[in-house]
């Protein structure tokens, strides 16, 4: 079999024609597989941008590609033509399908055709390697992670450069290759291939959708197996439908949740059963004052938390919301700041008005990202005010925000996940990061510190950081696969305990603190609020305590005008 491994680098560019962003390809790198999986021939070229004239600073920092490299490059379709001539009749392999989707997108944009001229046979090597290594398909394994898992020496390779990444991928291929096992993963690139590749999986969010069938919404009692009866209304939360059920046989009560996806192959239905959640009323007769290393302030009935150590920090306004002082009821009582929880929108809007007035934020200045438990960070400015709150933001992934524009209020949601606040007093810049367990394990705090250095010239030695209300070590109980993610981190034994039975406990606060120390922040510049959402669920919404039947808390941070 003739094999060529292709890797691409691209730059996110705004297109007036599309009225949106396109991942514009800026570099091709490829290698042909020779005997014993040694390189037989290579291909490399830069592509001169035609949409985004300027190279994104994050891409430049990640890849070391310069504007001068791209200026000397060739147009995209010329690069495609040269690559086709070099490729011959090889099977094209890439690490993951992202490169092929980007190729299709670029061909459609520049030539009007959604088909790639050189693509006749294709293999997603990432998918094959994960199966061969027993990693499953739940999450996509990165190339560097798999190379390290296989014990490959890639220290001389330049990560995030197309040719070097293709050479590393060739080494991985040599470790996992089996001529018979790989055959089912090689696809002919016909019309069905393109339709399948470009099909966008969607979550069905309407019960009257014709794809939803009665059996999708039916549940059996987990105790006796009898058909259960729904006793409450369906509600849509986190892309899934939830309702309370009761078994007519044994009288058991539970919450049934169903996620319905429209995939290319058809409808996928995922059902889960949860205990009926514990819903507490908001704290009665709350007393303002210290709570751990934070302080509860009450203003016109609205409660919010601030870091005691930042009481006299000039130039910024920060706060974390509580359940006190809003107009929402039931499980949303009372200060729910989440629009997609099932609470009437007029209630949420009024809650924002009250909270912003009490805590000192401009109601119209709020900016929120798209929290998907990754480590993507977006720099925002005055033109982004209202995005993610009062209007869609159009961002697929943004678990962190940063700015140096006074009056822009950064917002992240949290109901057990860790909000991490950043202030650069020297360069007048701020950042706000959302770190669930995945984000914490991926080093989100350090990534924010690095991003602020890139964007604003922030010196980690002078950055201030504070870890906000979230779940504590004693309450954060996890299974072994999650614990292994933390134990694999430098110093992982410092914030991972267990097992106790089959469970472990993870200290997300210490994990985030170690991440900040690793980024160069001095220990005296890092504060841990110490307020546990689960232990204070009558004051702050906790996802675990309520099994997701809750409102949303917000962390907010703004540079004062």
Protein backbone atom coordinates (compact mmCIF):
# COMPACT_ATOMS: atom_id res chain seq x y z
CA UNK A 1 0.00 0.00 0.00
CA UNK A 2 1.26 3.47 -0.93
CA UNK A 3 0.71 5.77 2.05
CA UNK A 4 1.12 9.52 2.45
CA UNK A 5 0.51 11.25 5.78
CA UNK A 6 -0.74 14.83 5.57
CA UNK A 7 -0.82 17.54 8.21
CA UNK A 8 -2.08 21.11 7.88
CA UNK A 9 -1.82 24.33 9.85
CA UNK A 10 -4.46 27.01 9.57
CA UNK A 11 -5.34 30.50 10.69
CA UNK A 12 -8.84 31.56 11.79
CA UNK A 13 -9.80 34.44 9.48
CA UNK A 14 -12.95 36.50 9.20
CA UNK A 15 -14.56 36.34 5.75
CA UNK A 16 -16.87 39.09 4.60
CA UNK A 17 -18.22 36.72 1.96
CA UNK A 18 -19.23 34.16 4.58
CA UNK A 19 -20.00 36.80 7.24
CA UNK A 20 -18.16 34.51 9.62
CA UNK A 21 -14.85 32.78 10.27
CA UNK A 22 -13.03 30.27 8.08
CA UNK A 23 -10.02 28.15 9.05
CA UNK A 24 -7.74 29.31 6.24
CA UNK A 25 -4.95 26.80 5.52
CA UNK A 26 -1.46 28.35 5.75
CA UNK A 27 0.86 25.32 5.59
CA UNK A 28 0.97 21.86 3.98
CA UNK A 29 3.29 19.16 5.32
CA UNK A 30 3.33 15.53 4.24
CA UNK A 31 5.51 12.43 4.17
CA UNK A 32 5.36 9.25 2.07
CA UNK A 33 5.85 5.99 3.90
CA UNK A 34 8.89 3.98 2.85
CA UNK A 35 10.28 0.61 3.92
CA UNK A 36 10.13 -0.08 7.67
CA UNK A 37 8.02 3.05 7.98
CA UNK A 38 10.92 5.35 7.23
CA UNK A 39 10.26 8.59 5.28
CA UNK A 40 10.53 8.00 1.54
CA UNK A 41 9.73 11.56 0.39
CA UNK A 42 8.38 14.75 1.91
CA UNK A 43 6.28 17.72 0.82
CA UNK A 44 6.17 21.12 2.50
CA UNK A 45 4.92 24.54 1.49
CA UNK A 46 3.47 27.71 2.94
CA UNK A 47 0.16 29.05 1.64
CA UNK A 48 -0.21 32.79 1.11
CA UNK A 49 -3.39 33.96 2.91
CA UNK A 50 -6.15 35.40 0.76
CA UNK A 51 -8.84 35.90 3.41
CA UNK A 52 -7.05 36.85 6.63
CA UNK A 53 -4.09 39.03 5.69
CA UNK A 54 -2.72 39.09 9.24
CA UNK A 55 -1.48 36.03 11.10
CA UNK A 56 -3.26 35.49 14.40
CA UNK A 57 -0.81 36.05 17.29
CA UNK A 58 -1.90 32.82 19.00
CA UNK A 59 -1.28 30.79 15.82
CA UNK A 60 2.09 32.51 15.36
CA UNK A 61 3.09 31.67 18.93
CA UNK A 62 1.87 28.09 18.66
CA UNK A 63 3.49 27.28 15.30
CA UNK A 64 6.43 29.75 15.04
CA UNK A 65 5.20 30.57 11.51
CA UNK A 66 5.90 34.20 10.62
CA UNK A 67 4.14 36.73 8.42
CA UNK A 68 7.21 36.68 6.15
CA UNK A 69 6.83 32.89 5.67
CA UNK A 70 3.27 33.37 4.45
CA UNK A 71 4.03 36.35 2.23
CA UNK A 72 6.50 34.13 0.36
CA UNK A 73 3.91 31.33 0.09
CA UNK A 74 1.78 30.26 -2.87
CA UNK A 75 -2.03 30.54 -3.37
CA UNK A 76 -4.14 27.73 -1.91
CA UNK A 77 -5.31 26.14 -5.17
CA UNK A 78 -1.74 26.16 -6.51
CA UNK A 79 -0.65 24.35 -3.34
CA UNK A 80 -3.43 21.81 -3.91
CA UNK A 81 -2.26 21.26 -7.49
CA UNK A 82 1.37 20.75 -6.46
CA UNK A 83 0.36 18.36 -3.70
CA UNK A 84 -1.80 16.33 -6.09
CA UNK A 85 1.16 15.93 -8.46
CA UNK A 86 3.43 14.88 -5.57
CA UNK A 87 0.87 12.51 -4.02
CA UNK A 88 0.30 10.18 -6.93
CA UNK A 89 -1.96 7.22 -6.04
CA UNK A 90 -1.21 7.17 -2.30
CA UNK A 91 -3.79 6.63 0.41
CA UNK A 92 -4.03 9.92 2.37
CA UNK A 93 -3.88 9.58 6.14
CA UNK A 94 -4.36 12.36 8.71
CA UNK A 95 -4.41 12.47 12.50
CA UNK A 96 -8.13 13.00 13.03
CA UNK A 97 -10.68 14.23 10.52
CA UNK A 98 -10.14 17.94 11.27
CA UNK A 99 -7.59 18.43 8.48
CA UNK A 100 -9.89 16.86 5.88
CA UNK A 101 -12.86 18.95 7.00
CA UNK A 102 -10.69 22.08 6.74
CA UNK A 103 -9.52 21.02 3.27
CA UNK A 104 -13.12 20.58 2.13
CA UNK A 105 -14.00 23.99 3.60
CA UNK A 106 -11.06 25.69 1.82
CA UNK A 107 -11.74 23.97 -1.53
CA UNK A 108 -15.37 25.02 -1.38
CA UNK A 109 -14.35 28.60 -0.57
CA UNK A 110 -11.61 29.02 -3.19
CA UNK A 111 -12.83 26.81 -6.04
CA UNK A 112 -16.58 26.50 -5.46
CA UNK A 113 -16.30 22.72 -5.22
CA UNK A 114 -16.68 20.88 -1.97
CA UNK A 115 -14.51 18.02 -3.22
CA UNK A 116 -10.74 17.80 -2.70
CA UNK A 117 -8.99 17.21 -6.09
CA UNK A 118 -6.32 14.82 -4.78
CA UNK A 119 -8.48 12.78 -2.39
CA UNK A 120 -9.39 9.29 -3.69
CA UNK A 121 -8.76 7.07 -0.65
CA UNK A 122 -8.58 8.24 2.96
CA UNK A 123 -7.87 6.89 6.46
CA UNK A 124 -8.36 8.61 9.82
CA UNK A 125 -5.22 7.33 11.53
CA UNK A 126 -6.21 8.76 14.92
CA UNK A 127 -9.35 6.62 15.00
CA UNK A 128 -7.39 3.51 13.93
CA UNK A 129 -4.61 4.08 16.46
CA UNK A 130 -7.07 4.61 19.33
CA UNK A 131 -8.75 1.30 18.53
CA UNK A 132 -5.44 -0.53 18.24
CA UNK A 133 -4.24 0.87 21.57
CA UNK A 134 -7.53 0.20 23.36
CA UNK A 135 -8.16 3.90 24.06
CA UNK A 136 -11.78 3.76 22.90
CA UNK A 137 -13.57 6.54 21.05
CA UNK A 138 -15.04 8.55 23.94
CA UNK A 139 -12.46 11.30 23.53
CA UNK A 140 -9.98 12.09 20.77
CA UNK A 141 -6.39 11.34 21.80
CA UNK A 142 -3.86 13.99 20.78
CA UNK A 143 -0.86 13.07 18.63
CA UNK A 144 1.67 14.06 21.29
CA UNK A 145 -0.16 12.04 23.95
CA UNK A 146 -0.16 8.88 21.80
CA UNK A 147 3.49 9.37 20.80
CA UNK A 148 4.46 9.60 24.47
CA UNK A 149 2.28 6.60 25.29
CA UNK A 150 4.22 4.60 22.69
CA UNK A 151 7.56 5.80 24.08
CA UNK A 152 8.56 7.64 20.89
CA UNK A 153 11.33 10.22 21.05
CA UNK A 154 9.84 13.36 19.51
CA UNK A 155 12.03 15.85 21.37
CA UNK A 156 13.67 17.04 18.14
CA UNK A 157 10.34 17.64 16.42
CA UNK A 158 8.70 21.05 16.27
CA UNK A 159 5.16 20.55 17.54
CA UNK A 160 2.36 22.25 15.59
CA UNK A 161 4.36 22.43 12.36
CA UNK A 162 2.85 20.52 9.47
CA UNK A 163 5.87 18.51 8.25
CA UNK A 164 7.15 17.60 11.72
CA UNK A 165 3.68 16.55 12.85
CA UNK A 166 3.32 14.34 9.77
CA UNK A 167 6.70 12.72 10.55
CA UNK A 168 5.61 12.02 14.13
CA UNK A 169 2.37 10.54 12.79
CA UNK A 170 4.43 8.24 10.55
CA UNK A 171 6.28 6.97 13.63
CA UNK A 172 2.94 6.24 15.31
CA UNK A 173 1.75 4.41 12.19
CA UNK A 174 4.82 2.19 12.35
CA UNK A 175 3.91 1.16 15.90
CA UNK A 176 0.23 0.37 15.31
CA UNK A 177 0.14 -0.79 11.68
CA UNK A 178 -1.46 -4.06 10.71
CA UNK A 179 -2.31 -4.58 7.03
CA UNK A 180 -5.52 -6.51 7.69
CA UNK A 181 -6.73 -4.44 10.66
CA UNK A 182 -6.35 -1.13 8.83
CA UNK A 183 -8.31 -2.13 5.70
CA UNK A 184 -11.79 -1.35 7.18
CA UNK A 185 -10.60 2.14 8.08
CA UNK A 186 -9.66 3.06 4.49
CA UNK A 187 -12.55 4.78 2.71
CA UNK A 188 -13.16 5.54 -0.93
CA UNK A 189 -13.80 9.28 -1.32
CA UNK A 190 -17.12 9.15 -3.16
CA UNK A 191 -20.16 11.37 -2.73
CA UNK A 192 -21.32 9.41 0.32
CA UNK A 193 -17.90 10.01 1.93
CA UNK A 194 -18.28 13.77 1.53
CA UNK A 195 -21.85 13.74 2.78
CA UNK A 196 -20.82 11.78 5.87
CA UNK A 197 -17.73 13.91 6.53
CA UNK A 198 -19.59 17.21 6.36
CA UNK A 199 -22.74 16.07 8.17
CA UNK A 200 -23.15 18.02 11.40
CA UNK A 201 -24.48 15.99 14.29
CA UNK A 202 -27.22 17.92 16.07
CA UNK A 203 -29.00 17.54 19.39
CA UNK A 204 -32.77 17.36 19.06
CA UNK A 205 -34.21 20.00 21.38
CA UNK A 206 -37.93 19.88 20.53
CA UNK A 207 -40.19 17.06 21.67
CA UNK A 208 -42.43 17.51 18.63
CA UNK A 209 -39.49 16.81 16.30
CA UNK A 210 -40.55 13.96 13.95
CA UNK A 211 -37.39 12.03 14.91
CA UNK A 212 -38.59 11.70 18.53
CA UNK A 213 -40.54 8.48 19.13
CA UNK A 214 -42.59 7.49 22.24
CA UNK A 215 -40.13 4.75 23.17
CA UNK A 216 -37.34 7.35 23.37
CA UNK A 217 -39.14 8.97 26.28
CA UNK A 218 -40.12 5.78 28.14
CA UNK A 219 -38.26 4.57 31.25
CA UNK A 220 -38.25 1.37 33.28
CA UNK A 221 -38.00 1.44 37.07
CA UNK A 222 -34.36 0.77 38.09
CA UNK A 223 -35.56 -1.12 41.18
CA UNK A 224 -38.17 -3.55 39.85
CA UNK A 225 -38.05 -3.14 36.07
CA UNK A 226 -41.70 -2.10 35.68
CA UNK A 227 -42.77 0.58 33.23
CA UNK A 228 -42.57 3.91 35.09
CA UNK A 229 -45.01 6.78 34.72
CA UNK A 230 -43.93 10.35 34.19
CA UNK A 231 -45.19 12.61 36.98
CA UNK A 232 -43.64 15.93 35.95
CA UNK A 233 -43.24 18.08 32.86
CA UNK A 234 -40.31 17.56 30.50
CA UNK A 235 -37.65 20.27 30.72
CA UNK A 236 -34.68 20.88 28.43
CA UNK A 237 -31.35 21.22 30.23
CA UNK A 238 -27.85 20.87 28.83
CA UNK A 239 -29.24 19.61 25.51
CA UNK A 240 -31.18 16.79 27.18
CA UNK A 241 -34.78 16.27 28.30
CA UNK A 242 -35.47 15.58 31.99
CA UNK A 243 -38.59 14.62 33.89
CA UNK A 244 -39.56 12.97 37.17
CA UNK A 245 -40.95 9.43 37.06
CA UNK A 246 -42.75 7.17 39.53
CA UNK A 247 -43.04 3.39 39.43
CA UNK A 248 -46.68 2.19 39.91
CA UNK A 249 -45.37 -1.15 41.17
CA UNK A 250 -42.85 -0.37 43.92
CA UNK A 251 -43.55 3.36 44.26
CA UNK A 252 -39.92 4.34 43.52
CA UNK A 253 -39.23 7.86 42.24
CA UNK A 254 -36.39 8.93 39.99
CA UNK A 255 -35.32 11.47 37.35
CA UNK A 256 -35.10 10.24 33.77
CA UNK A 257 -32.80 12.06 31.35
CA UNK A 258 -32.64 11.43 27.61
CA UNK A 259 -30.21 12.88 25.05
CA UNK A 260 -31.37 12.51 21.44
CA UNK A 261 -28.85 13.10 18.64
CA UNK A 262 -29.42 13.20 14.92
CA UNK A 263 -26.33 11.54 13.40
CA UNK A 264 -25.55 10.69 9.81
CA UNK A 265 -26.31 7.04 10.53
CA UNK A 266 -29.62 7.88 12.21
CA UNK A 267 -30.97 8.84 15.62
CA UNK A 268 -28.88 8.09 18.71
CA UNK A 269 -30.66 7.91 22.09
CA UNK A 270 -28.85 7.98 25.41
CA UNK A 271 -30.82 7.49 28.64
CA UNK A 272 -29.74 7.90 32.24
CA UNK A 273 -31.52 7.62 35.56
CA UNK A 274 -30.75 9.81 38.59
CA UNK A 275 -32.08 9.95 42.13
CA UNK A 276 -34.60 12.68 42.80
CA UNK A 277 -32.39 15.69 43.62
CA UNK A 278 -32.16 17.46 46.96
CA UNK A 279 -33.46 20.98 46.41
CA UNK A 280 -32.77 23.35 49.27
CA UNK A 281 -34.33 26.72 49.79
CA UNK A 282 -32.00 29.72 49.68
CA UNK A 283 -30.30 30.45 53.00
CA UNK A 284 -32.61 32.14 55.46
CA UNK A 285 -31.41 35.12 57.51
CA UNK A 286 -27.95 35.18 55.91
CA UNK A 287 -25.34 37.14 57.81
CA UNK A 288 -22.87 39.30 55.91
CA UNK A 289 -19.22 38.77 56.74
CA UNK A 290 -16.38 36.27 56.23
CA UNK A 291 -16.96 32.83 54.70
CA UNK A 292 -13.61 31.02 54.52
CA UNK A 293 -11.30 33.44 52.66
CA UNK A 294 -14.16 35.37 51.03
CA UNK A 295 -16.72 37.86 52.31
CA UNK A 296 -20.48 37.81 51.81
CA UNK A 297 -21.94 41.24 51.08
CA UNK A 298 -25.68 41.96 51.12
CA UNK A 299 -26.94 44.99 49.24
CA UNK A 300 -30.68 45.59 48.84
CA UNK A 301 -31.20 41.87 49.53
CA UNK A 302 -28.76 40.74 46.83
CA UNK A 303 -25.86 38.62 48.09
CA UNK A 304 -22.44 38.31 46.45
CA UNK A 305 -19.01 37.04 47.45
CA UNK A 306 -15.66 38.78 47.09
CA UNK A 307 -12.11 37.73 48.02
CA UNK A 308 -11.07 39.17 51.36
CA UNK A 309 -7.49 39.61 50.07
CA UNK A 310 -8.73 41.73 47.14
CA UNK A 311 -10.79 44.09 49.28
CA UNK A 312 -8.40 46.98 48.61
CA UNK A 313 -7.32 45.95 45.09
CA UNK A 314 -7.61 49.12 43.03
CA UNK A 315 -8.76 49.33 39.42
CA UNK A 316 -10.96 46.23 39.22
CA UNK A 317 -14.40 45.08 40.31
CA UNK A 318 -14.96 41.40 40.99
CA UNK A 319 -17.75 39.27 42.46
CA UNK A 320 -19.28 35.79 42.56
CA UNK A 321 -23.06 35.52 42.69
CA UNK A 322 -25.12 33.70 45.32
CA UNK A 323 -28.72 32.46 45.39
CA UNK A 324 -29.82 35.50 47.41
CA UNK A 325 -31.92 38.38 46.12
CA UNK A 326 -33.35 37.20 42.80
CA UNK A 327 -36.90 36.67 41.54
CA UNK A 328 -36.70 33.02 40.38
CA UNK A 329 -38.56 30.23 42.15
CA UNK A 330 -38.45 26.45 42.74
CA UNK A 331 -35.03 24.95 42.00
CA UNK A 332 -33.93 28.25 40.45
CA UNK A 333 -34.57 30.22 43.64
CA UNK A 334 -33.73 32.90 43.71
CA UNK A 335 -30.77 34.48 41.86
CA UNK A 336 -30.51 32.25 38.78
CA UNK A 337 -28.27 33.76 36.08
CA UNK A 338 -28.58 30.95 33.53
CA UNK A 339 -30.87 31.46 30.53
CA UNK A 340 -30.92 27.83 29.40
CA UNK A 341 -31.85 26.13 32.67
CA UNK A 342 -35.63 26.22 32.15
CA UNK A 343 -36.28 29.41 34.14
CA UNK A 344 -38.45 32.05 32.37
CA UNK A 345 -36.19 34.52 30.52
CA UNK A 346 -37.83 37.55 32.11
CA UNK A 347 -36.82 36.22 35.53
CA UNK A 348 -33.20 35.73 34.49
CA UNK A 349 -33.01 39.20 32.93
CA UNK A 350 -34.36 40.79 36.10
CA UNK A 351 -31.86 38.79 38.14
CA UNK A 352 -29.02 40.21 36.05
CA UNK A 353 -30.35 43.73 36.56
CA UNK A 354 -30.45 43.29 40.34
CA UNK A 355 -27.10 41.57 40.61
CA UNK A 356 -25.23 44.04 38.41
CA UNK A 357 -26.73 47.00 40.28
CA UNK A 358 -25.75 45.53 43.64
CA UNK A 359 -22.25 44.32 42.74
CA UNK A 360 -21.30 47.36 40.64
CA UNK A 361 -21.26 46.05 37.07
CA UNK A 362 -22.64 47.67 33.91
CA UNK A 363 -25.69 45.62 32.89
CA UNK A 364 -24.91 46.06 29.16
CA UNK A 365 -21.17 45.33 29.40
CA UNK A 366 -21.33 41.58 30.11
CA UNK A 367 -19.42 39.13 27.88
CA UNK A 368 -19.62 35.36 28.27
CA UNK A 369 -17.81 32.65 26.28
CA UNK A 370 -18.96 29.18 25.22
CA UNK A 371 -18.06 26.82 28.05
CA UNK A 372 -17.40 23.33 26.70
CA UNK A 373 -14.77 22.18 29.25
CA UNK A 374 -11.79 22.88 26.98
CA UNK A 375 -8.91 25.38 27.28
CA UNK A 376 -9.71 27.82 24.48
CA UNK A 377 -9.35 31.48 25.49
CA UNK A 378 -10.72 34.51 23.66
CA UNK A 379 -9.56 38.11 23.92
CA UNK A 380 -12.59 40.41 23.94
CA UNK A 381 -13.16 44.12 23.65
CA UNK A 382 -15.83 46.79 23.59
CA UNK A 383 -17.43 45.36 20.45
CA UNK A 384 -18.10 42.08 22.24
CA UNK A 385 -20.23 43.59 25.02
CA UNK A 386 -23.47 41.64 25.38
CA UNK A 387 -22.11 38.55 23.57
CA UNK A 388 -23.10 35.27 25.18
CA UNK A 389 -25.63 37.00 27.45
CA UNK A 390 -27.91 39.34 25.53
CA UNK A 391 -27.02 38.02 22.06
CA UNK A 392 -25.34 34.87 20.67
CA UNK A 393 -21.55 35.01 20.65
CA UNK A 394 -21.01 32.63 17.71
CA UNK A 395 -17.98 31.05 19.43
CA UNK A 396 -17.79 27.26 19.40
CA UNK A 397 -15.39 27.13 22.33
CA UNK A 398 -14.26 29.76 24.85
CA UNK A 399 -13.78 28.63 28.45
CA UNK A 400 -11.65 31.66 29.19
CA UNK A 401 -11.86 35.38 28.42
CA UNK A 402 -9.32 38.17 28.74
CA UNK A 403 -9.31 41.91 28.01
CA UNK A 404 -7.49 45.17 28.63
CA UNK A 405 -10.53 47.31 27.82
CA UNK A 406 -12.03 49.11 30.84
CA UNK A 407 -15.75 48.66 31.34
CA UNK A 408 -15.95 45.22 29.65
CA UNK A 409 -17.26 42.70 32.20
CA UNK A 410 -15.98 39.14 31.83
CA UNK A 411 -18.44 36.42 32.89
CA UNK A 412 -18.07 32.67 33.45
CA UNK A 413 -20.66 30.27 34.84
CA UNK A 414 -19.94 27.75 37.56
CA UNK A 415 -21.86 25.40 39.83
CA UNK A 416 -19.01 23.23 41.21
CA UNK A 417 -16.44 24.03 38.47
CA UNK A 418 -13.58 26.36 39.38
CA UNK A 419 -13.59 30.03 38.33
CA UNK A 420 -10.08 31.52 38.31
CA UNK A 421 -9.70 35.32 38.34
CA UNK A 422 -6.56 37.03 36.92
CA UNK A 423 -5.43 40.64 37.32
CA UNK A 424 -2.35 42.26 35.77
CA UNK A 425 -2.01 45.56 37.68
CA UNK A 426 1.04 46.65 35.67
CA UNK A 427 -0.47 46.33 32.17
CA UNK A 428 -4.09 46.94 33.23
CA UNK A 429 -5.44 43.62 31.95
CA UNK A 430 -7.69 40.90 33.37
CA UNK A 431 -8.65 37.31 32.65
CA UNK A 432 -11.36 34.96 33.85
CA UNK A 433 -11.10 31.19 33.35
CA UNK A 434 -13.59 28.35 33.76
CA UNK A 435 -11.93 25.10 34.88
CA UNK A 436 -14.06 22.02 35.33
CA UNK A 437 -12.13 18.86 36.10
CA UNK A 438 -11.12 18.49 32.45
CA UNK A 439 -9.94 22.10 32.28
CA UNK A 440 -8.08 21.81 35.57
CA UNK A 441 -6.36 18.59 34.43
CA UNK A 442 -5.45 20.26 31.13
CA UNK A 443 -3.80 23.19 32.93
CA UNK A 444 -6.33 25.91 32.17
CA UNK A 445 -4.95 28.33 34.82
CA UNK A 446 -1.43 28.14 33.38
CA UNK A 447 -2.78 28.49 29.84
CA UNK A 448 -4.58 31.70 30.82
CA UNK A 449 -1.37 33.10 32.37
CA UNK A 450 0.51 32.27 29.16
CA UNK A 451 -2.20 33.80 26.99
CA UNK A 452 -2.15 37.04 28.99
CA UNK A 453 1.62 37.18 28.50
CA UNK A 454 1.10 36.85 24.73
CA UNK A 455 -1.74 39.35 24.50
CA UNK A 456 -0.72 42.02 27.01
CA UNK A 457 2.91 41.33 27.89
CA UNK A 458 1.88 40.18 31.37
CA UNK A 459 4.77 39.10 33.58
CA UNK A 460 3.71 35.95 35.50
CA UNK A 461 5.74 37.19 38.47
CA UNK A 462 3.42 40.20 38.72
CA UNK A 463 0.10 38.53 37.91
CA UNK A 464 -2.48 38.16 40.67
CA UNK A 465 -4.81 35.14 40.67
CA UNK A 466 -7.70 34.02 42.87
CA UNK A 467 -9.58 30.70 42.88
CA UNK A 468 -13.31 31.17 43.39
CA UNK A 469 -16.19 29.16 44.89
CA UNK A 470 -16.28 25.58 43.63
CA UNK A 471 -16.41 22.01 44.89
CA UNK A 472 -13.87 21.11 47.61
CA UNK A 473 -11.67 18.04 47.91
CA UNK A 474 -13.87 16.27 50.45
CA UNK A 475 -16.94 16.60 48.23
CA UNK A 476 -15.30 15.91 44.85
CA UNK A 477 -15.44 12.13 44.65
CA UNK A 478 -14.35 10.57 41.33
CA UNK A 479 -13.83 7.18 39.71
CA UNK A 480 -10.43 5.72 38.84
CA UNK A 481 -10.27 6.93 35.17
CA UNK A 482 -10.69 10.56 36.28
CA UNK A 483 -8.23 10.10 39.16
CA UNK A 484 -5.62 8.76 36.73
CA UNK A 485 -5.84 11.98 34.71
CA UNK A 486 -4.78 13.94 37.79
CA UNK A 487 -2.21 11.44 39.05
CA UNK A 488 -0.46 11.70 35.67
CA UNK A 489 0.13 15.43 36.24
CA UNK A 490 3.34 16.76 37.85
CA UNK A 491 2.78 16.59 41.60
CA UNK A 492 -0.53 14.79 41.05
CA UNK A 493 -0.26 12.98 44.37
CA UNK A 494 -0.50 16.40 46.10
CA UNK A 495 -4.12 16.85 45.02
CA UNK A 496 -5.35 13.27 44.42
CA UNK A 497 -6.21 10.96 47.31
CA UNK A 498 -7.35 7.35 47.34
CA UNK A 499 -8.63 4.96 46.57
CA UNK A 500 -11.09 4.66 49.43
CA UNK A 501 -13.05 1.68 48.23
CA UNK A 502 -13.49 2.36 44.53
CA UNK A 503 -13.48 6.15 44.81
CA UNK A 504 -10.83 8.87 44.85
CA UNK A 505 -10.93 12.48 45.99
CA UNK A 506 -9.43 15.33 43.94
CA UNK A 507 -8.54 18.79 45.25
CA UNK A 508 -9.29 21.04 42.27
CA UNK A 509 -8.20 24.11 44.23
CA UNK A 510 -4.70 22.73 44.82
CA UNK A 511 -4.53 21.44 41.24
CA UNK A 512 -5.25 24.94 39.94
CA UNK A 513 -2.82 26.47 42.43
CA UNK A 514 -0.04 24.14 41.27
CA UNK A 515 -0.86 25.02 37.67
CA UNK A 516 -0.45 28.72 38.49
CA UNK A 517 2.83 28.08 40.32
CA UNK A 518 4.05 26.14 37.30
CA UNK A 519 3.24 29.15 35.11
CA UNK A 520 5.53 31.31 37.24
CA UNK A 521 3.12 33.05 39.62
CA UNK A 522 4.63 33.58 43.09
CA UNK A 523 2.73 31.73 45.86
CA UNK A 524 1.98 35.02 47.62
CA UNK A 525 0.12 36.19 44.48
CA UNK A 526 -2.34 33.26 44.54
CA UNK A 527 -5.43 33.24 46.76
CA UNK A 528 -7.84 30.35 47.33
CA UNK A 529 -11.34 31.47 48.33
CA UNK A 530 -12.03 28.20 50.13
CA UNK A 531 -15.82 28.32 49.65
CA UNK A 532 -17.30 24.95 48.66
CA UNK A 533 -20.41 25.08 46.49
CA UNK A 534 -21.66 21.69 47.66
CA UNK A 535 -21.21 22.42 51.37
CA UNK A 536 -22.93 25.79 50.90
CA UNK A 537 -25.64 24.71 48.46
CA UNK A 538 -28.24 26.84 50.25
CA UNK A 539 -26.07 29.85 49.40
CA UNK A 540 -24.58 28.82 46.02
CA UNK A 541 -25.98 26.51 43.34
CA UNK A 542 -24.28 23.07 43.29
CA UNK A 543 -24.66 20.79 40.28
CA UNK A 544 -23.73 17.63 42.19
CA UNK A 545 -25.95 18.31 45.17
CA UNK A 546 -29.03 18.90 43.00
CA UNK A 547 -28.20 16.39 40.24
CA UNK A 548 -28.31 19.25 37.75
CA UNK A 549 -31.71 20.54 38.82
CA UNK A 550 -30.55 24.08 39.64
CA UNK A 551 -29.89 27.62 38.54
CA UNK A 552 -26.50 29.07 37.55
CA UNK A 553 -23.92 31.09 39.46
CA UNK A 554 -21.70 33.66 37.75
CA UNK A 555 -18.18 34.90 38.33
CA UNK A 556 -17.68 38.46 37.06
CA UNK A 557 -14.57 40.61 36.64
CA UNK A 558 -14.12 44.06 35.09
CA UNK A 559 -11.51 46.77 34.77
CA UNK A 560 -12.87 49.97 36.23
CA UNK A 561 -13.27 52.80 33.68
